[in-house]
């Protein structure tokens, strides 16, 4: 057997295992994706309504989504990148809950978006054999671009802009999980 045939067989097996894992935990991925989509919408709507409570609202959203992401990642047994992402969500969310100033908030949001973007790109390449893995890659690239905007613009950003940036990142991540889970052939949910 040639090395190309062996490589193709291994890649086919990997593709099937990844799709089977996604199909096995499809309901949890759907729950996580809907949670991120809802949290993303809330993040985009609430900052203008909350004013000085931005840190508490955004921090709480990050903590809740981070805990859910950790639970789903632990339950599915395959994604240490997702566990790292959950830890970043919880850590940055915890820091945002304490009332920092606008410069600190801008920096924390920029670090969060950069870390999430890098993790999502790594996770996308882990899912490379799955259909629609490119959505995760796109989500990661956009999160990194948003973080660069924040690092350059920094404290000149308003709380509403920061909320929209977090919201876009969460919304895209949720949509990418939805695309991934919807692309499997599993019929059962939960």
Protein backbone atom coordinates (compact mmCIF):
# COMPACT_ATOMS: atom_id res chain seq x y z
CA UNK A 1 0.00 0.00 0.00
CA UNK A 2 1.41 3.40 -0.92
CA UNK A 3 1.91 6.16 1.59
CA UNK A 4 -0.66 8.30 -0.24
CA UNK A 5 -3.28 5.56 0.15
CA UNK A 6 -2.46 5.18 3.85
CA UNK A 7 -2.67 8.96 4.30
CA UNK A 8 -6.01 9.13 2.51
CA UNK A 9 -7.36 6.29 4.66
CA UNK A 10 -6.19 7.98 7.87
CA UNK A 11 -7.71 11.29 6.78
CA UNK A 12 -10.98 9.55 5.91
CA UNK A 13 -11.03 7.85 9.34
CA UNK A 14 -10.32 11.18 11.07
CA UNK A 15 -13.10 12.87 9.09
CA UNK A 16 -15.53 10.13 10.08
CA UNK A 17 -14.54 10.27 13.80
CA UNK A 18 -14.92 14.06 13.94
CA UNK A 19 -18.31 13.89 12.21
CA UNK A 20 -19.42 11.06 14.53
CA UNK A 21 -18.44 13.09 17.61
CA UNK A 22 -20.27 16.15 16.31
CA UNK A 23 -23.31 14.00 15.49
CA UNK A 24 -23.19 12.28 18.90
CA UNK A 25 -23.25 15.61 20.75
CA UNK A 26 -25.29 17.52 18.16
CA UNK A 27 -27.91 18.61 20.67
CA UNK A 28 -25.28 20.08 22.97
CA UNK A 29 -23.64 21.90 20.06
CA UNK A 30 -27.03 23.29 19.07
CA UNK A 31 -27.68 24.44 22.64
CA UNK A 32 -24.25 26.05 22.83
CA UNK A 33 -24.65 27.72 19.44
CA UNK A 34 -28.08 29.15 20.32
CA UNK A 35 -26.71 30.37 23.66
CA UNK A 36 -23.85 32.17 21.89
CA UNK A 37 -26.17 33.67 19.29
CA UNK A 38 -28.49 34.98 22.04
CA UNK A 39 -25.56 36.23 24.13
CA UNK A 40 -24.13 37.94 21.05
CA UNK A 41 -27.40 39.74 20.39
CA UNK A 42 -27.64 40.75 24.07
CA UNK A 43 -24.05 42.01 24.01
CA UNK A 44 -24.84 44.21 21.03
CA UNK A 45 -28.08 45.58 22.50
CA UNK A 46 -27.34 45.97 26.22
CA UNK A 47 -24.22 48.20 26.42
CA UNK A 48 -26.07 51.28 25.25
CA UNK A 49 -28.81 50.58 27.79
CA UNK A 50 -26.52 49.78 30.71
CA UNK A 51 -23.92 52.55 30.52
CA UNK A 52 -21.62 52.17 33.50
CA UNK A 53 -22.70 48.59 34.16
CA UNK A 54 -20.97 47.44 30.96
CA UNK A 55 -18.34 45.40 32.80
CA UNK A 56 -20.93 43.57 34.87
CA UNK A 57 -23.19 42.77 31.93
CA UNK A 58 -20.41 41.73 29.52
CA UNK A 59 -18.53 39.91 32.27
CA UNK A 60 -21.65 37.96 33.23
CA UNK A 61 -22.34 37.03 29.59
CA UNK A 62 -18.76 35.82 29.17
CA UNK A 63 -18.86 33.80 32.39
CA UNK A 64 -22.17 32.11 31.50
CA UNK A 65 -21.09 31.29 27.95
CA UNK A 66 -17.68 30.14 29.21
CA UNK A 67 -19.24 27.77 31.74
CA UNK A 68 -21.56 26.34 29.08
CA UNK A 69 -18.65 25.97 26.65
CA UNK A 70 -16.61 24.16 29.33
CA UNK A 71 -19.52 21.83 30.10
CA UNK A 72 -20.12 20.94 26.43
CA UNK A 73 -16.38 20.51 25.80
CA UNK A 74 -16.01 18.25 28.82
CA UNK A 75 -19.10 16.27 27.85
CA UNK A 76 -17.93 15.71 24.24
CA UNK A 77 -14.39 14.59 25.25
CA UNK A 78 -12.65 15.89 22.13
CA UNK A 79 -11.80 19.59 22.32
CA UNK A 80 -9.05 20.87 24.54
CA UNK A 81 -9.10 24.07 22.43
CA UNK A 82 -12.70 24.62 23.52
CA UNK A 83 -11.72 24.11 27.17
CA UNK A 84 -8.99 26.76 26.74
CA UNK A 85 -11.54 29.07 25.12
CA UNK A 86 -13.95 28.48 28.02
CA UNK A 87 -11.17 29.35 30.49
CA UNK A 88 -10.48 32.59 28.58
CA UNK A 89 -14.20 33.49 28.62
CA UNK A 90 -14.47 32.86 32.36
CA UNK A 91 -11.20 34.65 33.21
CA UNK A 92 -11.91 37.78 31.15
CA UNK A 93 -15.55 37.76 32.27
CA UNK A 94 -14.43 37.61 35.91
CA UNK A 95 -12.09 40.54 35.39
CA UNK A 96 -14.82 42.56 33.69
CA UNK A 97 -17.28 42.02 36.55
CA UNK A 98 -15.15 44.18 38.84
CA UNK A 99 -15.65 47.80 37.83
CA UNK A 100 -12.57 48.64 35.72
CA UNK A 101 -12.10 51.91 33.85
CA UNK A 102 -12.67 52.28 30.09
CA UNK A 103 -8.99 51.77 29.21
CA UNK A 104 -8.90 48.50 31.16
CA UNK A 105 -12.19 47.38 29.62
CA UNK A 106 -10.89 48.14 26.10
CA UNK A 107 -7.69 46.21 26.79
CA UNK A 108 -9.53 43.22 28.29
CA UNK A 109 -11.98 43.06 25.38
CA UNK A 110 -9.07 43.28 22.90
CA UNK A 111 -7.21 40.47 24.69
CA UNK A 112 -10.40 38.39 24.82
CA UNK A 113 -11.08 38.84 21.10
CA UNK A 114 -7.46 38.05 20.20
CA UNK A 115 -7.37 34.92 22.36
CA UNK A 116 -10.78 33.74 21.13
CA UNK A 117 -9.79 34.37 17.53
CA UNK A 118 -6.57 32.37 17.83
CA UNK A 119 -8.36 29.54 19.66
CA UNK A 120 -11.18 29.45 17.11
CA UNK A 121 -8.64 29.23 14.27
CA UNK A 122 -6.88 26.32 16.02
CA UNK A 123 -10.25 24.68 16.65
CA UNK A 124 -11.20 25.18 12.99
CA UNK A 125 -8.10 23.32 11.88
CA UNK A 126 -8.95 20.55 14.35
CA UNK A 127 -12.36 20.32 12.61
CA UNK A 128 -10.82 20.69 9.16
CA UNK A 129 -12.17 17.34 8.09
CA UNK A 130 -15.74 18.26 9.05
CA UNK A 131 -18.11 19.95 6.63
CA UNK A 132 -18.45 23.71 7.09
CA UNK A 133 -15.32 24.00 9.30
CA UNK A 134 -14.53 27.21 7.43
CA UNK A 135 -17.17 29.05 9.47
CA UNK A 136 -15.04 28.55 12.59
CA UNK A 137 -12.01 29.82 10.69
CA UNK A 138 -13.92 32.91 9.51
CA UNK A 139 -15.18 33.57 13.06
CA UNK A 140 -11.61 33.39 14.38
CA UNK A 141 -10.21 35.70 11.71
CA UNK A 142 -12.94 38.29 12.33
CA UNK A 143 -12.34 38.14 16.11
CA UNK A 144 -8.63 38.80 15.53
CA UNK A 145 -9.42 41.71 13.21
CA UNK A 146 -11.77 43.18 15.83
CA UNK A 147 -9.04 42.84 18.47
CA UNK A 148 -6.59 44.68 16.21
CA UNK A 149 -9.10 47.50 15.79
CA UNK A 150 -9.33 47.71 19.59
CA UNK A 151 -5.57 47.59 20.13
CA UNK A 152 -5.18 50.44 17.63
CA UNK A 153 -8.25 52.47 18.68
CA UNK A 154 -8.11 51.53 22.37
CA UNK A 155 -9.76 53.90 24.77
CA UNK A 156 -11.29 55.93 21.94
CA UNK A 157 -13.92 53.20 21.63
CA UNK A 158 -17.26 53.69 23.31
CA UNK A 159 -18.90 51.05 25.47
CA UNK A 160 -21.47 50.47 22.74
CA UNK A 161 -18.74 49.74 20.18
CA UNK A 162 -17.06 47.34 22.62
CA UNK A 163 -20.36 45.57 23.22
CA UNK A 164 -20.99 45.28 19.50
CA UNK A 165 -17.51 43.80 19.01
CA UNK A 166 -18.07 41.17 21.70
CA UNK A 167 -21.54 40.53 20.31
CA UNK A 168 -20.27 40.04 16.76
CA UNK A 169 -17.64 37.60 18.01
CA UNK A 170 -20.20 35.59 20.02
CA UNK A 171 -22.76 35.68 17.23
CA UNK A 172 -20.25 34.41 14.66
CA UNK A 173 -19.01 31.67 16.99
CA UNK A 174 -22.58 30.56 17.64
CA UNK A 175 -23.37 30.61 13.92
CA UNK A 176 -20.24 28.57 13.15
CA UNK A 177 -21.22 25.94 15.74
CA UNK A 178 -24.72 25.88 14.26
CA UNK A 179 -23.29 25.34 10.76
CA UNK A 180 -20.98 22.58 12.04
CA UNK A 181 -23.71 20.73 13.91
CA UNK A 182 -26.28 21.17 11.14
CA UNK A 183 -23.85 19.69 8.61
CA UNK A 184 -23.76 16.28 10.31
CA UNK A 185 -26.02 13.45 9.28
CA UNK A 186 -27.42 12.79 12.76
CA UNK A 187 -31.17 12.94 13.13
CA UNK A 188 -31.43 12.94 16.93
CA UNK A 189 -31.16 16.05 19.05
CA UNK A 190 -30.22 15.51 22.68
